[in-house]
Amino acid sequence: MVKREIEKKIMDTTCLTALSWQGNWEEIAGYITDSRLQGQGSVTYRTEYQFTDKAVQPGVTYEYRLGDVDYNGKVTWHKKLEVKVEAEGAKIPTEFGLQRAYPNPFNPVVTLSYGLKEAGHTTLQVYNIRRQLVETFISAYQLAGTHDFTWQPVNLSAGVYIVRLESGRKTNLQKIVFVK
């Protein structure tokens, strides 16, 4: 049974902050994490695969490749596909920071939206009122743009929590209220 994996890399050389990503393939799906990419074995019909990459930014060009992994672990790569993501009216935010959480107060989930003027390592965390870290949602390199994160607290009591966004040397805080 042949298995498959999908990789991508950023190809946009005009985005100076993404230069460190150029040339590095990043696995975005594979037969281990996505059962739809398990091989079909020896079949007489054509198998088509479909994958939607939700982690893209407008104005950036990506290159994708699909690989077949044989029984010995050898990968055979298929023809690469170049995709430029375009969005009508897409804009880079003019300000860094958290936008108003919705809904707030919330139960059972809250959507946290934020804008990044520049690409960089970003952390999004929530703290309790005693300044103790409750959960880290994001700790990764992110491109400039508007981002959303939906949070549903598990095993937490109702109360006031502080959301902390940090990217580069900038930090922004916002109070949210969890009600039961």
N, C-alpha and C. Protein backbone atom coordinates (compact mmCIF):
# COMPACT_ATOMS: atom_id res chain seq x y z
N MET A 1 0.85 -1.17 0.00
CA MET A 1 0.00 0.00 0.00
C MET A 1 0.89 1.24 0.00
N VAL A 2 0.73 2.12 -0.96
CA VAL A 2 1.48 3.36 -1.02
C VAL A 2 0.74 4.40 -0.18
N LYS A 3 1.52 5.18 0.57
CA LYS A 3 0.95 6.24 1.40
C LYS A 3 1.36 7.57 0.80
N ARG A 4 0.69 8.63 1.24
CA ARG A 4 0.97 9.94 0.67
C ARG A 4 1.21 10.98 1.75
N GLU A 5 1.96 12.03 1.35
CA GLU A 5 2.12 13.19 2.21
C GLU A 5 2.14 14.43 1.34
N ILE A 6 1.74 15.55 1.94
CA ILE A 6 1.66 16.82 1.23
C ILE A 6 2.56 17.81 1.94
N GLU A 7 3.36 18.55 1.16
CA GLU A 7 4.24 19.57 1.73
C GLU A 7 4.05 20.88 0.99
N LYS A 8 4.45 21.97 1.66
CA LYS A 8 4.39 23.29 1.01
C LYS A 8 5.59 24.10 1.45
N LYS A 9 5.87 25.16 0.66
CA LYS A 9 6.84 26.16 1.06
C LYS A 9 6.42 27.49 0.49
N ILE A 10 6.86 28.55 1.14
CA ILE A 10 6.55 29.90 0.69
C ILE A 10 7.52 30.28 -0.41
N MET A 11 6.99 30.78 -1.52
CA MET A 11 7.81 31.12 -2.67
C MET A 11 7.93 32.62 -2.90
N ASP A 12 7.22 33.43 -2.14
CA ASP A 12 7.16 34.87 -2.40
C ASP A 12 8.43 35.55 -1.91
N THR A 13 9.32 35.92 -2.82
CA THR A 13 10.57 36.54 -2.45
C THR A 13 10.41 38.02 -2.11
N THR A 14 9.25 38.60 -2.35
CA THR A 14 9.06 40.01 -2.00
C THR A 14 8.73 40.19 -0.53
N CYS A 15 8.40 39.11 0.15
CA CYS A 15 8.07 39.16 1.57
C CYS A 15 9.35 38.90 2.35
N LEU A 16 10.08 39.96 2.71
CA LEU A 16 11.39 39.82 3.34
C LEU A 16 11.34 39.05 4.64
N THR A 17 10.24 39.15 5.39
CA THR A 17 10.17 38.46 6.67
C THR A 17 9.99 36.96 6.50
N ALA A 18 9.67 36.50 5.31
CA ALA A 18 9.47 35.07 5.08
C ALA A 18 10.69 34.41 4.45
N LEU A 19 11.79 35.17 4.27
CA LEU A 19 12.96 34.61 3.62
C LEU A 19 13.50 33.38 4.33
N SER A 20 13.37 33.32 5.63
CA SER A 20 13.88 32.17 6.36
C SER A 20 13.10 30.90 6.02
N TRP A 21 11.90 31.04 5.47
CA TRP A 21 11.09 29.88 5.12
C TRP A 21 11.41 29.37 3.72
N GLN A 22 12.02 30.20 2.90
CA GLN A 22 12.26 29.80 1.53
C GLN A 22 13.15 28.57 1.47
N GLY A 23 12.81 27.66 0.58
CA GLY A 23 13.61 26.47 0.40
C GLY A 23 13.33 25.36 1.40
N ASN A 24 12.59 25.64 2.46
CA ASN A 24 12.27 24.62 3.45
C ASN A 24 10.87 24.09 3.23
N TRP A 25 10.76 22.82 2.94
CA TRP A 25 9.45 22.21 2.77
C TRP A 25 8.88 21.90 4.14
N GLU A 26 7.60 22.18 4.31
CA GLU A 26 6.89 21.94 5.58
C GLU A 26 5.76 20.95 5.30
N GLU A 27 5.75 19.84 6.05
CA GLU A 27 4.68 18.87 5.87
C GLU A 27 3.39 19.44 6.45
N ILE A 28 2.33 19.47 5.65
CA ILE A 28 1.05 20.00 6.13
C ILE A 28 0.00 18.91 6.27
N ALA A 29 0.27 17.75 5.69
CA ALA A 29 -0.64 16.60 5.85
C ALA A 29 0.13 15.35 5.48
N GLY A 30 -0.23 14.26 6.14
CA GLY A 30 0.45 13.00 5.84
C GLY A 30 -0.41 11.81 6.22
N TYR A 31 0.00 10.68 5.75
CA TYR A 31 -0.78 9.45 5.98
C TYR A 31 -0.87 9.09 7.46
N ILE A 32 0.05 9.59 8.28
CA ILE A 32 0.00 9.29 9.71
C ILE A 32 -1.09 10.12 10.39
N THR A 33 -1.23 11.38 9.98
CA THR A 33 -2.20 12.28 10.64
C THR A 33 -3.53 12.39 9.91
N ASP A 34 -3.59 11.96 8.66
CA ASP A 34 -4.81 12.11 7.87
C ASP A 34 -5.11 10.78 7.15
N SER A 35 -6.11 10.06 7.63
CA SER A 35 -6.42 8.74 7.07
C SER A 35 -6.83 8.80 5.60
N ARG A 36 -7.26 9.96 5.11
CA ARG A 36 -7.62 10.08 3.70
C ARG A 36 -6.41 9.93 2.78
N LEU A 37 -5.21 10.04 3.35
CA LEU A 37 -3.99 9.92 2.55
C LEU A 37 -3.37 8.53 2.63
N GLN A 38 -4.07 7.59 3.25
CA GLN A 38 -3.63 6.19 3.24
C GLN A 38 -3.74 5.68 1.82
N GLY A 39 -2.83 4.83 1.45
CA GLY A 39 -2.82 4.29 0.10
C GLY A 39 -4.02 3.40 -0.18
N GLN A 40 -4.30 3.21 -1.43
CA GLN A 40 -5.44 2.40 -1.86
C GLN A 40 -5.03 0.98 -2.23
N GLY A 41 -3.71 0.70 -2.20
CA GLY A 41 -3.25 -0.62 -2.64
C GLY A 41 -3.24 -0.68 -4.16
N SER A 42 -3.23 -1.87 -4.70
CA SER A 42 -3.25 -2.06 -6.16
C SER A 42 -4.70 -2.07 -6.62
N VAL A 43 -5.12 -0.99 -7.23
CA VAL A 43 -6.49 -0.88 -7.73
C VAL A 43 -6.44 -0.53 -9.22
N THR A 44 -7.52 -0.81 -9.91
CA THR A 44 -7.57 -0.55 -11.35
C THR A 44 -8.21 0.79 -11.68
N TYR A 45 -8.62 1.52 -10.68
CA TYR A 45 -9.25 2.82 -10.93
C TYR A 45 -8.34 3.95 -10.44
N ARG A 46 -8.60 5.11 -10.98
CA ARG A 46 -7.82 6.30 -10.64
C ARG A 46 -8.30 6.86 -9.29
N THR A 47 -7.36 7.24 -8.43
CA THR A 47 -7.69 7.83 -7.14
C THR A 47 -7.30 9.30 -7.16
N GLU A 48 -8.22 10.16 -6.81
CA GLU A 48 -7.93 11.59 -6.74
C GLU A 48 -7.94 12.02 -5.29
N TYR A 49 -7.04 12.95 -4.97
CA TYR A 49 -6.91 13.46 -3.62
C TYR A 49 -7.21 14.95 -3.62
N GLN A 50 -7.80 15.40 -2.54
CA GLN A 50 -8.15 16.81 -2.40
C GLN A 50 -7.75 17.25 -1.01
N PHE A 51 -7.15 18.43 -0.92
CA PHE A 51 -6.73 18.96 0.37
C PHE A 51 -6.88 20.47 0.35
N THR A 52 -7.43 21.05 1.42
CA THR A 52 -7.56 22.50 1.55
C THR A 52 -6.60 22.98 2.62
N ASP A 53 -5.71 23.87 2.23
CA ASP A 53 -4.75 24.46 3.16
C ASP A 53 -5.36 25.75 3.70
N LYS A 54 -5.72 25.75 4.97
CA LYS A 54 -6.35 26.93 5.57
C LYS A 54 -5.34 27.90 6.16
N ALA A 55 -4.07 27.51 6.19
CA ALA A 55 -3.03 28.36 6.78
C ALA A 55 -2.27 29.10 5.69
N VAL A 56 -2.98 29.97 4.97
CA VAL A 56 -2.37 30.77 3.91
C VAL A 56 -2.71 32.24 4.13
N GLN A 57 -1.92 33.11 3.50
CA GLN A 57 -2.12 34.55 3.61
C GLN A 57 -2.27 35.14 2.21
N PRO A 58 -3.16 36.13 2.06
CA PRO A 58 -3.32 36.79 0.76
C PRO A 58 -2.02 37.45 0.31
N GLY A 59 -1.75 37.38 -0.99
CA GLY A 59 -0.58 38.01 -1.57
C GLY A 59 0.67 37.16 -1.53
N VAL A 60 0.60 35.99 -0.94
CA VAL A 60 1.77 35.12 -0.82
C VAL A 60 1.62 33.96 -1.81
N THR A 61 2.74 33.58 -2.43
CA THR A 61 2.76 32.46 -3.36
C THR A 61 3.33 31.25 -2.65
N TYR A 62 2.65 30.12 -2.78
CA TYR A 62 3.07 28.87 -2.15
C TYR A 62 3.34 27.84 -3.23
N GLU A 63 4.21 26.90 -2.92
CA GLU A 63 4.45 25.77 -3.80
C GLU A 63 4.10 24.51 -3.02
N TYR A 64 3.34 23.62 -3.64
CA TYR A 64 2.90 22.39 -2.99
C TYR A 64 3.44 21.19 -3.76
N ARG A 65 3.63 20.09 -3.02
CA ARG A 65 4.01 18.85 -3.67
C ARG A 65 3.39 17.66 -2.93
N LEU A 66 3.03 16.65 -3.72
CA LEU A 66 2.45 15.42 -3.19
C LEU A 66 3.48 14.32 -3.36
N GLY A 67 3.69 13.55 -2.31
CA GLY A 67 4.67 12.47 -2.37
C GLY A 67 4.04 11.12 -2.08
N ASP A 68 4.48 10.11 -2.82
CA ASP A 68 4.09 8.72 -2.55
C ASP A 68 5.18 8.11 -1.69
N VAL A 69 4.80 7.46 -0.60
CA VAL A 69 5.74 6.80 0.30
C VAL A 69 5.56 5.30 0.14
N ASP A 70 6.62 4.59 -0.29
CA ASP A 70 6.49 3.15 -0.50
C ASP A 70 6.72 2.38 0.81
N TYR A 71 6.67 1.06 0.72
CA TYR A 71 6.81 0.21 1.91
C TYR A 71 8.14 0.40 2.63
N ASN A 72 9.16 0.80 1.90
CA ASN A 72 10.49 0.99 2.49
C ASN A 72 10.71 2.41 3.00
N GLY A 73 9.69 3.26 2.87
CA GLY A 73 9.81 4.65 3.33
C GLY A 73 10.38 5.59 2.30
N LYS A 74 10.65 5.11 1.08
CA LYS A 74 11.17 5.96 0.01
C LYS A 74 10.03 6.84 -0.53
N VAL A 75 10.32 8.14 -0.66
CA VAL A 75 9.31 9.09 -1.13
C VAL A 75 9.58 9.44 -2.59
N THR A 76 8.54 9.34 -3.42
CA THR A 76 8.60 9.77 -4.81
C THR A 76 7.69 10.99 -4.93
N TRP A 77 8.28 12.14 -5.29
CA TRP A 77 7.51 13.39 -5.37
C TRP A 77 6.91 13.56 -6.75
N HIS A 78 5.67 14.02 -6.79
CA HIS A 78 4.98 14.33 -8.05
C HIS A 78 5.27 15.77 -8.44
N LYS A 79 4.78 16.17 -9.59
CA LYS A 79 4.98 17.53 -10.10
C LYS A 79 4.51 18.56 -9.08
N LYS A 80 5.31 19.59 -8.89
CA LYS A 80 4.97 20.66 -7.95
C LYS A 80 3.88 21.55 -8.52
N LEU A 81 3.11 22.15 -7.63
CA LEU A 81 2.03 23.05 -8.01
C LEU A 81 2.25 24.38 -7.32
N GLU A 82 2.28 25.45 -8.10
CA GLU A 82 2.46 26.79 -7.54
C GLU A 82 1.11 27.49 -7.44
N VAL A 83 0.81 28.08 -6.27
CA VAL A 83 -0.47 28.74 -6.03
C VAL A 83 -0.22 30.10 -5.41
N LYS A 84 -0.78 31.14 -6.02
CA LYS A 84 -0.74 32.48 -5.42
C LYS A 84 -2.10 32.75 -4.81
N VAL A 85 -2.10 33.09 -3.52
CA VAL A 85 -3.35 33.34 -2.81
C VAL A 85 -3.72 34.81 -2.99
N GLU A 86 -4.91 35.03 -3.50
CA GLU A 86 -5.40 36.39 -3.68
C GLU A 86 -6.75 36.51 -3.01
N ALA A 87 -6.99 37.65 -2.39
CA ALA A 87 -8.27 37.90 -1.75
C ALA A 87 -8.70 39.32 -2.09
N GLU A 88 -9.92 39.44 -2.52
CA GLU A 88 -10.45 40.73 -2.89
C GLU A 88 -10.52 41.63 -1.66
N GLY A 89 -9.88 42.78 -1.73
CA GLY A 89 -9.95 43.74 -0.63
C GLY A 89 -9.12 43.34 0.58
N ALA A 90 -8.22 42.36 0.45
CA ALA A 90 -7.42 41.94 1.60
C ALA A 90 -6.46 43.05 1.99
N LYS A 91 -6.34 43.29 3.28
CA LYS A 91 -5.47 44.35 3.77
C LYS A 91 -4.66 43.83 4.95
N ILE A 92 -3.47 44.38 5.08
CA ILE A 92 -2.67 44.14 6.27
C ILE A 92 -3.17 45.14 7.31
N PRO A 93 -3.42 44.71 8.54
CA PRO A 93 -3.91 45.63 9.57
C PRO A 93 -2.95 46.81 9.76
N THR A 94 -3.51 47.98 10.04
CA THR A 94 -2.68 49.15 10.30
C THR A 94 -2.26 49.23 11.75
N GLU A 95 -2.90 48.44 12.61
CA GLU A 95 -2.56 48.44 14.03
C GLU A 95 -2.36 47.02 14.53
N PHE A 96 -1.43 46.89 15.47
CA PHE A 96 -1.20 45.62 16.14
C PHE A 96 -2.17 45.51 17.31
N GLY A 97 -2.71 44.32 17.54
CA GLY A 97 -3.45 44.11 18.78
C GLY A 97 -4.68 43.25 18.65
N LEU A 98 -5.23 42.98 19.83
CA LEU A 98 -6.45 42.20 19.94
C LEU A 98 -7.65 43.05 19.56
N GLN A 99 -8.58 42.47 18.85
CA GLN A 99 -9.85 43.13 18.60
C GLN A 99 -10.82 42.66 19.68
N ARG A 100 -11.97 43.25 19.78
CA ARG A 100 -12.93 42.89 20.81
C ARG A 100 -13.31 41.41 20.70
N ALA A 101 -13.15 40.69 21.81
CA ALA A 101 -13.53 39.28 21.86
C ALA A 101 -15.04 39.17 21.69
N TYR A 102 -15.47 38.09 20.99
CA TYR A 102 -16.90 37.95 20.74
C TYR A 102 -17.34 36.51 21.00
N PRO A 103 -18.38 36.30 21.72
CA PRO A 103 -19.06 37.27 22.60
C PRO A 103 -18.26 37.44 23.89
N ASN A 104 -18.52 38.48 24.61
CA ASN A 104 -17.85 38.72 25.88
C ASN A 104 -18.81 39.48 26.78
N PRO A 105 -19.30 38.85 27.84
CA PRO A 105 -19.04 37.55 28.43
C PRO A 105 -19.43 36.42 27.48
N PHE A 106 -18.84 35.21 27.71
CA PHE A 106 -19.07 34.10 26.80
C PHE A 106 -19.36 32.80 27.55
N ASN A 107 -20.04 31.90 26.85
CA ASN A 107 -20.29 30.54 27.27
C ASN A 107 -20.95 29.84 26.08
N PRO A 108 -20.44 28.82 25.52
CA PRO A 108 -19.27 28.05 25.95
C PRO A 108 -17.98 28.44 25.22
N VAL A 109 -18.06 29.22 24.10
CA VAL A 109 -16.85 29.55 23.33
C VAL A 109 -16.72 31.05 23.11
N VAL A 110 -15.49 31.48 22.86
CA VAL A 110 -15.21 32.88 22.54
C VAL A 110 -14.27 32.90 21.34
N THR A 111 -14.46 33.88 20.46
CA THR A 111 -13.58 34.07 19.32
C THR A 111 -12.66 35.24 19.61
N LEU A 112 -11.36 34.98 19.51
CA LEU A 112 -10.34 35.99 19.74
C LEU A 112 -9.75 36.36 18.38
N SER A 113 -9.90 37.61 17.99
CA SER A 113 -9.36 38.09 16.71
C SER A 113 -8.25 39.08 17.01
N TYR A 114 -7.22 39.06 16.16
CA TYR A 114 -6.12 40.00 16.37
C TYR A 114 -5.44 40.32 15.05
N GLY A 115 -4.79 41.47 15.03
CA GLY A 115 -4.10 41.92 13.84
C GLY A 115 -2.61 42.02 14.07
N LEU A 116 -1.84 41.59 13.07
CA LEU A 116 -0.39 41.70 13.11
C LEU A 116 0.05 42.58 11.94
N LYS A 117 0.70 43.69 12.23
CA LYS A 117 1.21 44.57 11.18
C LYS A 117 2.41 43.96 10.48
N GLU A 118 3.17 43.14 11.23
CA GLU A 118 4.37 42.53 10.68
C GLU A 118 4.39 41.04 11.01
N ALA A 119 5.05 40.28 10.18
CA ALA A 119 5.23 38.86 10.46
C ALA A 119 6.24 38.70 11.58
N GLY A 120 6.10 37.62 12.34
CA GLY A 120 7.05 37.35 13.41
C GLY A 120 6.54 36.29 14.34
N HIS A 121 7.38 35.94 15.32
CA HIS A 121 6.96 34.95 16.32
C HIS A 121 5.86 35.58 17.17
N THR A 122 4.75 34.86 17.29
CA THR A 122 3.57 35.37 17.99
C THR A 122 3.15 34.38 19.06
N THR A 123 2.76 34.92 20.23
CA THR A 123 2.18 34.07 21.27
C THR A 123 0.82 34.65 21.65
N LEU A 124 -0.13 33.76 21.84
CA LEU A 124 -1.47 34.11 22.29
C LEU A 124 -1.75 33.20 23.47
N GLN A 125 -1.94 33.82 24.66
CA GLN A 125 -2.10 33.05 25.90
C GLN A 125 -3.25 33.61 26.71
N VAL A 126 -3.73 32.80 27.66
CA VAL A 126 -4.76 33.26 28.58
C VAL A 126 -4.28 33.00 30.01
N TYR A 127 -4.53 33.98 30.86
CA TYR A 127 -4.14 33.92 32.27
C TYR A 127 -5.38 34.08 33.14
N ASN A 128 -5.31 33.53 34.35
CA ASN A 128 -6.40 33.77 35.29
C ASN A 128 -6.14 35.09 36.02
N ILE A 129 -7.04 35.47 36.89
CA ILE A 129 -6.96 36.76 37.57
C ILE A 129 -5.76 36.84 38.52
N ARG A 130 -5.20 35.67 38.88
CA ARG A 130 -4.02 35.62 39.75
C ARG A 130 -2.72 35.67 38.96
N ARG A 131 -2.82 35.97 37.66
CA ARG A 131 -1.70 36.08 36.75
C ARG A 131 -1.00 34.74 36.50
N GLN A 132 -1.74 33.64 36.66
CA GLN A 132 -1.21 32.31 36.38
C GLN A 132 -1.59 31.93 34.95
N LEU A 133 -0.63 31.38 34.22
CA LEU A 133 -0.89 30.96 32.85
C LEU A 133 -1.89 29.81 32.86
N VAL A 134 -2.97 29.96 32.11
CA VAL A 134 -4.00 28.92 32.00
C VAL A 134 -3.75 28.06 30.77
N GLU A 135 -3.46 28.72 29.63
CA GLU A 135 -3.27 27.98 28.39
C GLU A 135 -2.54 28.85 27.37
N THR A 136 -1.67 28.21 26.58
CA THR A 136 -1.02 28.87 25.45
C THR A 136 -1.70 28.36 24.19
N PHE A 137 -2.33 29.27 23.45
CA PHE A 137 -3.05 28.89 22.24
C PHE A 137 -2.10 28.81 21.05
N ILE A 138 -1.25 29.84 20.92
CA ILE A 138 -0.37 29.95 19.76
C ILE A 138 1.02 30.35 20.25
N SER A 139 2.02 29.72 19.73
CA SER A 139 3.41 30.10 19.95
C SER A 139 4.15 29.68 18.69
N ALA A 140 4.08 30.55 17.67
CA ALA A 140 4.62 30.18 16.36
C ALA A 140 4.84 31.43 15.52
N TYR A 141 5.58 31.25 14.44
CA TYR A 141 5.78 32.31 13.47
C TYR A 141 4.47 32.50 12.71
N GLN A 142 4.01 33.76 12.62
CA GLN A 142 2.79 34.04 11.86
C GLN A 142 3.04 35.21 10.92
N LEU A 143 2.39 35.16 9.77
CA LEU A 143 2.50 36.24 8.80
C LEU A 143 1.62 37.41 9.21
N ALA A 144 1.94 38.59 8.69
CA ALA A 144 1.12 39.77 8.94
C ALA A 144 -0.29 39.52 8.42
N GLY A 145 -1.27 40.07 9.11
CA GLY A 145 -2.66 39.90 8.69
C GLY A 145 -3.57 39.81 9.89
N THR A 146 -4.82 39.49 9.63
CA THR A 146 -5.81 39.32 10.68
C THR A 146 -5.99 37.83 10.94
N HIS A 147 -5.98 37.46 12.21
CA HIS A 147 -6.07 36.06 12.61
C HIS A 147 -7.20 35.88 13.61
N ASP A 148 -7.79 34.69 13.63
CA ASP A 148 -8.86 34.36 14.58
C ASP A 148 -8.51 33.07 15.29
N PHE A 149 -8.93 32.99 16.55
CA PHE A 149 -8.77 31.77 17.33
C PHE A 149 -10.03 31.60 18.16
N THR A 150 -10.60 30.41 18.14
CA THR A 150 -11.80 30.12 18.93
C THR A 150 -11.40 29.26 20.12
N TRP A 151 -11.82 29.68 21.31
CA TRP A 151 -11.45 28.99 22.54
C TRP A 151 -12.68 28.51 23.29
N GLN A 152 -12.66 27.27 23.69
CA GLN A 152 -13.70 26.69 24.54
C GLN A 152 -13.00 26.15 25.79
N PRO A 153 -13.12 26.85 26.92
CA PRO A 153 -12.44 26.40 28.14
C PRO A 153 -12.91 25.01 28.57
N VAL A 154 -11.97 24.22 29.05
CA VAL A 154 -12.26 22.88 29.56
C VAL A 154 -11.80 22.82 31.01
N ASN A 155 -12.69 22.37 31.89
CA ASN A 155 -12.38 22.23 33.32
C ASN A 155 -11.92 23.53 33.97
N LEU A 156 -12.51 24.64 33.56
CA LEU A 156 -12.20 25.93 34.19
C LEU A 156 -13.46 26.48 34.82
N SER A 157 -13.26 27.19 35.91
CA SER A 157 -14.40 27.80 36.58
C SER A 157 -14.76 29.11 35.89
N ALA A 158 -15.98 29.54 36.11
CA ALA A 158 -16.41 30.83 35.58
C ALA A 158 -15.56 31.91 36.23
N GLY A 159 -15.35 33.00 35.51
CA GLY A 159 -14.57 34.09 36.08
C GLY A 159 -13.96 34.97 35.02
N VAL A 160 -13.09 35.85 35.48
CA VAL A 160 -12.41 36.81 34.61
C VAL A 160 -11.06 36.23 34.21
N TYR A 161 -10.75 36.33 32.93
CA TYR A 161 -9.47 35.85 32.39
C TYR A 161 -8.85 36.97 31.56
N ILE A 162 -7.53 36.93 31.44
CA ILE A 162 -6.80 37.93 30.66
C ILE A 162 -6.16 37.25 29.46
N VAL A 163 -6.45 37.75 28.26
CA VAL A 163 -5.84 37.26 27.03
C VAL A 163 -4.63 38.14 26.75
N ARG A 164 -3.50 37.50 26.47
CA ARG A 164 -2.25 38.23 26.21
C ARG A 164 -1.74 37.88 24.82
N LEU A 165 -1.57 38.90 23.97
CA LEU A 165 -1.02 38.75 22.63
C LEU A 165 0.35 39.40 22.61
N GLU A 166 1.35 38.68 22.11
CA GLU A 166 2.70 39.23 22.02
C GLU A 166 3.29 38.87 20.68
N SER A 167 3.89 39.85 20.03
CA SER A 167 4.59 39.62 18.77
C SER A 167 5.70 40.66 18.67
N GLY A 168 6.92 40.18 18.49
CA GLY A 168 8.06 41.10 18.49
C GLY A 168 8.16 41.74 19.86
N ARG A 169 8.25 43.05 19.89
CA ARG A 169 8.34 43.78 21.16
C ARG A 169 7.00 44.37 21.59
N LYS A 170 5.93 43.95 20.93
CA LYS A 170 4.61 44.50 21.23
C LYS A 170 3.78 43.49 22.00
N THR A 171 3.01 44.02 22.96
CA THR A 171 2.12 43.19 23.77
C THR A 171 0.78 43.90 23.89
N ASN A 172 -0.30 43.12 23.91
CA ASN A 172 -1.63 43.66 24.08
C ASN A 172 -2.42 42.72 24.97
N LEU A 173 -3.19 43.29 25.90
CA LEU A 173 -3.99 42.52 26.85
C LEU A 173 -5.47 42.83 26.68
N GLN A 174 -6.32 41.83 27.01
CA GLN A 174 -7.76 42.05 26.97
C GLN A 174 -8.42 41.17 28.02
N LYS A 175 -9.40 41.73 28.69
CA LYS A 175 -10.14 41.01 29.72
C LYS A 175 -11.34 40.32 29.07
N ILE A 176 -11.53 39.03 29.40
CA ILE A 176 -12.70 38.31 28.96
C ILE A 176 -13.36 37.66 30.16
N VAL A 177 -14.67 37.44 30.07
CA VAL A 177 -15.42 36.90 31.19
C VAL A 177 -16.11 35.61 30.76
N PHE A 178 -15.80 34.51 31.49
CA PHE A 178 -16.38 33.20 31.22
C PHE A 178 -17.52 33.01 32.22
N VAL A 179 -18.73 32.78 31.72
CA VAL A 179 -19.90 32.57 32.60
C VAL A 179 -20.43 31.17 32.39
N LYS A 180 -21.00 30.61 33.45
CA LYS A 180 -21.58 29.26 33.36
C LYS A 180 -23.05 29.33 33.67
